[in-house]
Amino acid sequence: MNHRHEVEVVDGMEPLSVGKEFPFSLEGYTFNNKFVVCSVSLYCKICIDLLPKLGNISQGFALLTDGTELDNEEIIKEFEYSFPVLSIEYDSFHNLIVETPSLMLVETDGNILEIVSIETIEEVNSFIEESR
């Protein structure tokens, strides 16, 4: 079962949804027309199990976690990721992300095209393949 939680709207911060703008900068990374963002909580068993399986993904992909910068540095080193890993403070993450793990398809202009809940690396690979 995915990690689901009640999302509170805090100070106008609404959950990310299709048609909204992806609010995080991926400056310094080059993507084609669109890219996939995988959102994981470091407090979600399914997410933790998924992390080592993401290492083979390289292009057009980013990871968004509720971990600290230090947590993310350790994850990048441990799993040898070549894609960006973004850290968002726990409360903000859980106000923006409704369910983990999930995938977002985002245009390079920041428009969110699709959001899906996932549980397996096969679902991740399939989503990436279909989004190309």
N, C-alpha and C. Protein backbone atom coordinates (compact mmCIF):
# COMPACT_ATOMS: atom_id res chain seq x y z
N MET A 1 0.83 -1.18 0.00
CA MET A 1 0.00 0.00 0.00
C MET A 1 0.88 1.25 0.00
N ASN A 2 0.53 2.20 -0.79
CA ASN A 2 1.28 3.44 -0.85
C ASN A 2 1.09 4.23 0.43
N HIS A 3 1.98 5.15 0.64
CA HIS A 3 1.91 6.04 1.80
C HIS A 3 0.94 7.17 1.46
N ARG A 4 -0.25 7.11 2.02
CA ARG A 4 -1.26 8.14 1.77
C ARG A 4 -1.40 8.96 3.04
N HIS A 5 -1.71 10.20 2.87
CA HIS A 5 -1.88 11.06 4.04
C HIS A 5 -2.84 12.19 3.72
N GLU A 6 -3.44 12.73 4.76
CA GLU A 6 -4.30 13.89 4.60
C GLU A 6 -3.42 15.10 4.30
N VAL A 7 -3.81 15.89 3.33
CA VAL A 7 -3.05 17.05 2.96
C VAL A 7 -3.78 18.29 3.45
N GLU A 8 -3.08 19.10 4.22
CA GLU A 8 -3.62 20.36 4.69
C GLU A 8 -3.15 21.47 3.76
N VAL A 9 -4.02 22.43 3.47
CA VAL A 9 -3.59 23.61 2.72
C VAL A 9 -3.08 24.61 3.74
N VAL A 10 -1.78 24.92 3.65
CA VAL A 10 -1.13 25.83 4.59
C VAL A 10 -0.67 27.06 3.83
N ASP A 11 -1.07 28.22 4.30
CA ASP A 11 -0.65 29.49 3.70
C ASP A 11 -0.79 29.49 2.18
N GLY A 12 -1.91 28.99 1.69
CA GLY A 12 -2.15 28.99 0.26
C GLY A 12 -1.39 27.92 -0.51
N MET A 13 -0.67 27.06 0.20
CA MET A 13 0.10 26.00 -0.44
C MET A 13 -0.83 24.82 -0.71
N GLU A 14 -1.23 24.66 -1.96
CA GLU A 14 -2.13 23.57 -2.32
C GLU A 14 -1.35 22.41 -2.90
N PRO A 15 -1.91 21.20 -2.80
CA PRO A 15 -1.23 20.03 -3.38
C PRO A 15 -0.96 20.22 -4.87
N LEU A 16 0.15 19.66 -5.34
CA LEU A 16 0.45 19.70 -6.76
C LEU A 16 -0.60 18.90 -7.51
N SER A 17 -1.00 19.41 -8.67
CA SER A 17 -1.99 18.71 -9.47
C SER A 17 -1.78 19.05 -10.94
N VAL A 18 -2.43 18.28 -11.80
CA VAL A 18 -2.32 18.47 -13.24
C VAL A 18 -2.77 19.90 -13.58
N GLY A 19 -1.99 20.54 -14.43
CA GLY A 19 -2.29 21.90 -14.85
C GLY A 19 -1.61 22.97 -14.01
N LYS A 20 -1.12 22.60 -12.84
CA LYS A 20 -0.39 23.55 -12.01
C LYS A 20 1.07 23.57 -12.43
N GLU A 21 1.79 24.55 -11.90
CA GLU A 21 3.21 24.67 -12.21
C GLU A 21 4.05 23.92 -11.19
N PHE A 22 5.04 23.17 -11.68
CA PHE A 22 6.00 22.50 -10.81
C PHE A 22 6.83 23.59 -10.15
N PRO A 23 6.79 23.70 -8.81
CA PRO A 23 7.33 24.88 -8.13
C PRO A 23 8.82 24.82 -7.77
N PHE A 24 9.56 23.86 -8.29
CA PHE A 24 10.95 23.71 -7.89
C PHE A 24 11.88 23.91 -9.08
N SER A 25 13.01 24.52 -8.82
CA SER A 25 13.97 24.81 -9.88
C SER A 25 14.85 23.60 -10.15
N LEU A 26 15.02 23.31 -11.43
CA LEU A 26 15.97 22.29 -11.85
C LEU A 26 17.01 22.96 -12.74
N GLU A 27 17.37 24.18 -12.34
CA GLU A 27 18.37 24.96 -13.05
C GLU A 27 19.68 24.18 -13.10
N GLY A 28 20.31 24.21 -14.23
CA GLY A 28 21.57 23.50 -14.39
C GLY A 28 21.39 22.11 -14.99
N TYR A 29 20.16 21.65 -15.07
CA TYR A 29 19.89 20.35 -15.68
C TYR A 29 19.15 20.58 -16.99
N THR A 30 19.50 19.83 -18.00
CA THR A 30 18.89 19.99 -19.31
C THR A 30 17.93 18.82 -19.57
N PHE A 31 16.71 19.17 -19.90
CA PHE A 31 15.71 18.18 -20.25
C PHE A 31 15.19 18.50 -21.65
N ASN A 32 14.66 17.49 -22.34
CA ASN A 32 14.04 17.75 -23.63
C ASN A 32 12.72 18.47 -23.40
N ASN A 33 11.66 18.08 -24.02
CA ASN A 33 10.37 18.75 -23.90
C ASN A 33 9.70 18.55 -22.55
N LYS A 34 9.96 17.42 -21.92
CA LYS A 34 9.33 17.12 -20.64
C LYS A 34 10.22 16.18 -19.84
N PHE A 35 9.91 16.06 -18.56
CA PHE A 35 10.69 15.19 -17.69
C PHE A 35 9.78 14.58 -16.64
N VAL A 36 10.27 13.52 -16.00
CA VAL A 36 9.50 12.79 -14.99
C VAL A 36 10.11 13.09 -13.63
N VAL A 37 9.24 13.38 -12.66
CA VAL A 37 9.67 13.59 -11.28
C VAL A 37 9.04 12.50 -10.43
N CYS A 38 9.86 11.79 -9.69
CA CYS A 38 9.40 10.75 -8.77
C CYS A 38 9.43 11.35 -7.36
N SER A 39 8.29 11.34 -6.69
CA SER A 39 8.18 11.85 -5.32
C SER A 39 8.18 10.69 -4.34
N VAL A 40 9.13 10.73 -3.40
CA VAL A 40 9.22 9.67 -2.39
C VAL A 40 9.38 10.27 -1.01
N SER A 41 8.80 9.59 -0.04
CA SER A 41 8.99 9.94 1.35
C SER A 41 9.98 8.95 1.96
N LEU A 42 10.90 9.46 2.74
CA LEU A 42 11.86 8.57 3.39
C LEU A 42 11.24 7.88 4.59
N TYR A 43 9.93 8.07 4.78
CA TYR A 43 9.17 7.42 5.85
C TYR A 43 8.17 6.42 5.28
N CYS A 44 8.32 6.10 4.00
CA CYS A 44 7.40 5.21 3.28
C CYS A 44 8.18 3.97 2.85
N LYS A 45 7.74 2.80 3.31
CA LYS A 45 8.45 1.56 3.01
C LYS A 45 8.54 1.29 1.50
N ILE A 46 7.45 1.49 0.79
CA ILE A 46 7.46 1.26 -0.65
C ILE A 46 8.49 2.18 -1.32
N CYS A 47 8.56 3.42 -0.86
CA CYS A 47 9.52 4.38 -1.40
C CYS A 47 10.95 3.94 -1.14
N ILE A 48 11.22 3.54 0.08
CA ILE A 48 12.57 3.10 0.45
C ILE A 48 12.97 1.89 -0.40
N ASP A 49 12.05 0.96 -0.59
CA ASP A 49 12.33 -0.23 -1.41
C ASP A 49 12.58 0.13 -2.87
N LEU A 50 11.99 1.23 -3.32
CA LEU A 50 12.12 1.65 -4.72
C LEU A 50 13.47 2.33 -5.00
N LEU A 51 14.03 3.01 -4.00
CA LEU A 51 15.24 3.81 -4.21
C LEU A 51 16.38 3.09 -4.91
N PRO A 52 16.78 1.88 -4.48
CA PRO A 52 17.92 1.24 -5.16
C PRO A 52 17.62 0.85 -6.60
N LYS A 53 16.36 0.74 -6.95
CA LYS A 53 15.98 0.31 -8.30
C LYS A 53 15.97 1.46 -9.30
N LEU A 54 16.09 2.70 -8.83
CA LEU A 54 16.04 3.86 -9.71
C LEU A 54 17.38 4.18 -10.35
N GLY A 55 18.44 3.53 -9.91
CA GLY A 55 19.79 3.85 -10.36
C GLY A 55 20.04 3.74 -11.85
N ASN A 56 19.27 2.93 -12.55
CA ASN A 56 19.48 2.75 -13.99
C ASN A 56 18.84 3.85 -14.83
N ILE A 57 18.03 4.69 -14.20
CA ILE A 57 17.37 5.77 -14.93
C ILE A 57 18.35 6.93 -15.02
N SER A 58 18.45 7.53 -16.20
CA SER A 58 19.44 8.60 -16.32
C SER A 58 18.87 9.89 -16.90
N GLN A 59 18.18 9.83 -18.01
CA GLN A 59 17.76 11.05 -18.68
C GLN A 59 16.31 11.38 -18.42
N GLY A 60 16.04 12.68 -18.31
CA GLY A 60 14.67 13.15 -18.19
C GLY A 60 14.00 12.74 -16.90
N PHE A 61 14.76 12.68 -15.81
CA PHE A 61 14.23 12.17 -14.55
C PHE A 61 14.80 12.96 -13.39
N ALA A 62 13.98 13.18 -12.37
CA ALA A 62 14.43 13.82 -11.13
C ALA A 62 13.70 13.16 -9.97
N LEU A 63 14.32 13.19 -8.80
CA LEU A 63 13.74 12.62 -7.59
C LEU A 63 13.47 13.75 -6.60
N LEU A 64 12.31 13.71 -5.98
CA LEU A 64 11.90 14.70 -4.99
C LEU A 64 11.64 13.96 -3.68
N THR A 65 12.34 14.36 -2.60
CA THR A 65 12.18 13.65 -1.33
C THR A 65 11.85 14.61 -0.19
N ASP A 66 11.38 14.02 0.90
CA ASP A 66 11.16 14.80 2.13
C ASP A 66 12.37 14.69 3.05
N GLY A 67 13.48 14.21 2.53
CA GLY A 67 14.72 14.10 3.30
C GLY A 67 15.48 15.41 3.32
N THR A 68 16.47 15.48 4.16
CA THR A 68 17.33 16.65 4.22
C THR A 68 18.33 16.61 3.06
N GLU A 69 19.04 17.70 2.86
CA GLU A 69 20.09 17.72 1.84
C GLU A 69 21.12 16.63 2.12
N LEU A 70 21.47 16.44 3.39
CA LEU A 70 22.42 15.40 3.78
C LEU A 70 21.88 14.01 3.46
N ASP A 71 20.58 13.78 3.76
CA ASP A 71 19.95 12.50 3.40
C ASP A 71 20.09 12.25 1.90
N ASN A 72 19.79 13.28 1.11
CA ASN A 72 19.83 13.13 -0.34
C ASN A 72 21.25 12.90 -0.85
N GLU A 73 22.22 13.57 -0.26
CA GLU A 73 23.62 13.34 -0.66
C GLU A 73 24.01 11.89 -0.41
N GLU A 74 23.58 11.34 0.71
CA GLU A 74 23.87 9.93 1.02
C GLU A 74 23.17 8.99 0.04
N ILE A 75 21.94 9.31 -0.32
CA ILE A 75 21.18 8.50 -1.28
C ILE A 75 21.87 8.52 -2.64
N ILE A 76 22.26 9.71 -3.10
CA ILE A 76 22.94 9.84 -4.40
C ILE A 76 24.22 9.02 -4.41
N LYS A 77 24.98 9.12 -3.35
CA LYS A 77 26.26 8.39 -3.27
C LYS A 77 26.01 6.88 -3.21
N GLU A 78 25.08 6.46 -2.36
CA GLU A 78 24.80 5.03 -2.18
C GLU A 78 24.33 4.36 -3.47
N PHE A 79 23.44 5.04 -4.20
CA PHE A 79 22.82 4.42 -5.38
C PHE A 79 23.40 4.94 -6.69
N GLU A 80 24.39 5.83 -6.61
CA GLU A 80 25.09 6.34 -7.79
C GLU A 80 24.13 6.95 -8.81
N TYR A 81 23.23 7.80 -8.34
CA TYR A 81 22.28 8.47 -9.23
C TYR A 81 22.99 9.49 -10.10
N SER A 82 22.55 9.59 -11.35
CA SER A 82 23.07 10.61 -12.26
C SER A 82 22.02 11.69 -12.51
N PHE A 83 20.88 11.59 -11.87
CA PHE A 83 19.80 12.57 -12.05
C PHE A 83 19.70 13.47 -10.81
N PRO A 84 19.04 14.62 -10.95
CA PRO A 84 18.91 15.52 -9.81
C PRO A 84 18.02 14.94 -8.71
N VAL A 85 18.38 15.22 -7.47
CA VAL A 85 17.59 14.80 -6.30
C VAL A 85 17.31 16.07 -5.50
N LEU A 86 16.05 16.41 -5.37
CA LEU A 86 15.63 17.63 -4.68
C LEU A 86 15.13 17.29 -3.28
N SER A 87 15.42 18.17 -2.36
CA SER A 87 14.98 17.99 -0.97
C SER A 87 13.98 19.08 -0.62
N ILE A 88 12.87 18.68 -0.01
CA ILE A 88 11.88 19.64 0.46
C ILE A 88 11.60 19.34 1.92
N GLU A 89 11.52 20.37 2.70
CA GLU A 89 11.22 20.23 4.12
C GLU A 89 9.98 19.36 4.30
N TYR A 90 10.00 18.49 5.29
CA TYR A 90 8.99 17.46 5.50
C TYR A 90 7.56 17.99 5.42
N ASP A 91 7.22 19.02 6.20
CA ASP A 91 5.84 19.52 6.21
C ASP A 91 5.42 20.07 4.86
N SER A 92 6.31 20.82 4.21
CA SER A 92 6.00 21.36 2.89
C SER A 92 5.78 20.24 1.88
N PHE A 93 6.66 19.24 1.92
CA PHE A 93 6.54 18.09 1.02
C PHE A 93 5.16 17.46 1.17
N HIS A 94 4.76 17.23 2.40
CA HIS A 94 3.50 16.53 2.64
C HIS A 94 2.27 17.41 2.46
N ASN A 95 2.47 18.70 2.29
CA ASN A 95 1.37 19.58 1.90
C ASN A 95 1.25 19.65 0.38
N LEU A 96 2.31 19.34 -0.33
CA LEU A 96 2.32 19.40 -1.78
C LEU A 96 2.05 18.05 -2.44
N ILE A 97 2.53 16.98 -1.84
CA ILE A 97 2.45 15.65 -2.43
C ILE A 97 1.37 14.84 -1.71
N VAL A 98 0.37 14.39 -2.43
CA VAL A 98 -0.76 13.69 -1.84
C VAL A 98 -0.44 12.25 -1.48
N GLU A 99 0.36 11.60 -2.33
CA GLU A 99 0.63 10.17 -2.13
C GLU A 99 2.05 9.85 -2.59
N THR A 100 2.69 8.95 -1.86
CA THR A 100 4.02 8.49 -2.26
C THR A 100 4.05 6.97 -2.30
N PRO A 101 4.86 6.43 -3.20
CA PRO A 101 5.57 7.10 -4.27
C PRO A 101 4.62 7.49 -5.40
N SER A 102 4.97 8.54 -6.08
CA SER A 102 4.18 8.98 -7.22
C SER A 102 5.11 9.56 -8.29
N LEU A 103 4.57 9.65 -9.49
CA LEU A 103 5.32 10.20 -10.61
C LEU A 103 4.55 11.37 -11.21
N MET A 104 5.29 12.39 -11.63
CA MET A 104 4.71 13.54 -12.32
C MET A 104 5.40 13.68 -13.66
N LEU A 105 4.63 13.95 -14.67
CA LEU A 105 5.17 14.30 -15.97
C LEU A 105 5.07 15.82 -16.08
N VAL A 106 6.24 16.47 -16.30
CA VAL A 106 6.30 17.93 -16.27
C VAL A 106 6.93 18.43 -17.57
N GLU A 107 6.31 19.44 -18.18
CA GLU A 107 6.90 20.08 -19.34
C GLU A 107 8.06 20.96 -18.88
N THR A 108 9.00 21.22 -19.76
CA THR A 108 10.15 22.03 -19.36
C THR A 108 9.76 23.44 -18.94
N ASP A 109 8.57 23.91 -19.34
CA ASP A 109 8.11 25.22 -18.88
C ASP A 109 7.51 25.14 -17.47
N GLY A 110 7.45 23.92 -16.89
CA GLY A 110 6.97 23.74 -15.53
C GLY A 110 5.54 23.26 -15.39
N ASN A 111 4.80 23.16 -16.47
CA ASN A 111 3.41 22.72 -16.41
C ASN A 111 3.34 21.22 -16.11
N ILE A 112 2.58 20.86 -15.08
CA ILE A 112 2.40 19.44 -14.72
C ILE A 112 1.34 18.84 -15.64
N LEU A 113 1.71 17.81 -16.40
CA LEU A 113 0.82 17.18 -17.37
C LEU A 113 0.07 15.98 -16.80
N GLU A 114 0.71 15.26 -15.88
CA GLU A 114 0.12 14.02 -15.37
C GLU A 114 0.74 13.68 -14.02
N ILE A 115 -0.06 13.09 -13.13
CA ILE A 115 0.42 12.58 -11.84
C ILE A 115 -0.19 11.20 -11.63
N VAL A 116 0.66 10.22 -11.30
CA VAL A 116 0.16 8.87 -11.04
C VAL A 116 0.84 8.30 -9.80
N SER A 117 0.10 7.48 -9.07
CA SER A 117 0.67 6.73 -7.95
C SER A 117 1.29 5.46 -8.50
N ILE A 118 2.40 5.06 -7.93
CA ILE A 118 3.08 3.86 -8.39
C ILE A 118 3.53 3.04 -7.19
N GLU A 119 3.91 1.80 -7.45
CA GLU A 119 4.44 0.94 -6.39
C GLU A 119 5.68 0.18 -6.81
N THR A 120 5.89 0.01 -8.11
CA THR A 120 6.98 -0.85 -8.57
C THR A 120 7.88 -0.12 -9.58
N ILE A 121 9.08 -0.63 -9.75
CA ILE A 121 10.00 -0.08 -10.74
C ILE A 121 9.45 -0.32 -12.15
N GLU A 122 8.71 -1.38 -12.33
CA GLU A 122 8.09 -1.63 -13.64
C GLU A 122 7.13 -0.51 -14.00
N GLU A 123 6.37 -0.04 -13.01
CA GLU A 123 5.45 1.08 -13.26
C GLU A 123 6.22 2.36 -13.58
N VAL A 124 7.34 2.57 -12.92
CA VAL A 124 8.19 3.73 -13.20
C VAL A 124 8.69 3.65 -14.64
N ASN A 125 9.28 2.51 -15.01
CA ASN A 125 9.82 2.33 -16.35
C ASN A 125 8.75 2.49 -17.42
N SER A 126 7.58 1.92 -17.19
CA SER A 126 6.48 2.03 -18.13
C SER A 126 6.03 3.48 -18.31
N PHE A 127 5.91 4.21 -17.20
CA PHE A 127 5.50 5.63 -17.25
C PHE A 127 6.53 6.44 -18.04
N ILE A 128 7.80 6.20 -17.76
CA ILE A 128 8.86 6.93 -18.47
C ILE A 128 8.79 6.63 -19.97
N GLU A 129 8.66 5.36 -20.31
CA GLU A 129 8.59 4.96 -21.72
C GLU A 129 7.39 5.60 -22.42
N GLU A 130 6.24 5.57 -21.77
CA GLU A 130 5.02 6.15 -22.37
C GLU A 130 5.09 7.67 -22.49
N SER A 131 5.89 8.31 -21.65
CA SER A 131 5.95 9.77 -21.65
C SER A 131 6.90 10.34 -22.71
N ARG A 132 7.65 9.47 -23.36
CA ARG A 132 8.60 9.93 -24.40
C ARG A 132 7.95 10.21 -25.70
